[in-house]
Amino acid sequence: MAATAATSALFSVASPSPGPSAKTSGKLGGMPASVDTRGIKSKSSSASSGGLQVRANAQAPPKVNGTKVGVMEGLKSEDEMTSSPPPRTFINQLPDWSMLLAAITTVFLAAEKQWMMLDWKPKRPDMLIDPFGLGRIVQDGLVFRQNFSIRSYEIGADRTASIETVMNHLQETALNHVKSAGLLGDGFGSTPEMCKRNLIWVVTKMHLVVDRYPTWGDVVQVDTWVAASGKNGMRRDWLLRDCKTGDILTRASSLWVMMNKETRKLSKIPDEVRAEIGIYFVDSPPVVDEDGRKLPKLDDKTADSIRTGLTPRWSDLDVNQHVNNVKYINWILESAPLPILESHELASMTLEYRRECRRDSVVQSLSSVLSKGIGDLADSGFVECQHLLRLEGGAEVVKGRTGWRPKYANRIGSFGHLPAESN
């Protein structure tokens, strides 16, 4: 009886007579006659009369201590059935496996890409020494060492690095040496004390010997150091080696003096500047023996070829507003006889810088063959040439001497023939 009374209190029996009162809102306290006490809709024509609809797949009521308990959530109106979410089952409550799999795949591909980017570099000792080419101080802080990889745009028609590439590497290591030593001021290679006095470095002489030119993809190691040269000069030397074999490719030695940036006149080395750079001087002889031969006079009458109207471009100027010394080499080669360029390669070079070249300068390039005439170059071995860069007014800018050897001469094997091509 107690159970019947509780059921009657919760479920009021609807009137059997049809009418507006037979339509309930689905709230607790009313139930159409077509629905029994288990919450299951009976098959009657009242289903189309706007009465309550019950989910046909209603779950069986759960058991509590072995007794079934009715579930009132099974009673839903027709409007609520349309907007209600699908039934919560074990399957649709699981995470979206496709999204999870896509996220895992994305992470895996990103990690694989990063690994390939790091793993593509060859495991060679020369690459591991200085993988980023930043350079470092070695030998008790007196020598600066930096590696360079020869790029495709740094090689010439002979598939070897050009002389301009070699010179740029030498200049780069010189500046990085000053920077790594903590002596780089506001100027182009000037120390803090030099900047206070508006002093800059200018090169007066360069002597270079090339034993072999590197090729595309080769890694070269450049060592550079400084030494005293007289009372008011500094000498800088370079050794360029093949990282793979350790062979010396290029040797270079240069002399530098100070010039006032405002007056453009040469200056003595102040004691304060000497105290800055003196601790880095190395007591060693130059790597290239000085060529003490005097350069003969070269003019329009003795020159074999002349190029006129050479003007510096904006990109040819350095931060000191004069033409970079590497550009002079390009101008010198402009007047070199074409038969020499075709059959020989530059083996040595001695340059004497007499005057700086500014932005508005117009330069002439003169060259002459010292050892033999141009017509005998096809059958000649080593050839020596003389060069002169001068302003249109006649003032000398650079005087030089170059030595040329037949191409592939330094690559001939022990039996006197060219090495076979490697696959």
Foldseek 3Di string as FASTA:
>chain_A
DVVVVVLCQFEPADDPDDDPSQADDLDTPYAHNQADPQLQGHDDPCVPVQHWHFDPPDDFADDDPNHGDHDSVRTDGPVCVVPPDDDDDPVVVDDDVVVVVVVVVVVVVVVVVVVCVVPVDDPDPLCVVPVPQLWDADDVRQKIKTKDAAAPVQDDPVQFGAPLVVVVVVLVRQQSSCVNLVQDDPDRSHGPVCVVQQKDKDWFKKKKFFLDTHGHGWMKMKMKGKADDPQFKIKMKIWIAGSRPRDTGMIMMTMMGMARLPVRHTDGQDPVNCVVCVVNHDPDDGPDDDDPDDADDDDPVQFPWKDWFDADDPVQADPSQFGDPSVVVVLQVVGDDPVLVVFWDWGIKMKGFDDTHGRPFIKMKTKHWDPDHPVCVVVDAKTKMWMWIDTPVGHTGMTMMIIIGTPCPSQQDPVRHHDDDDD
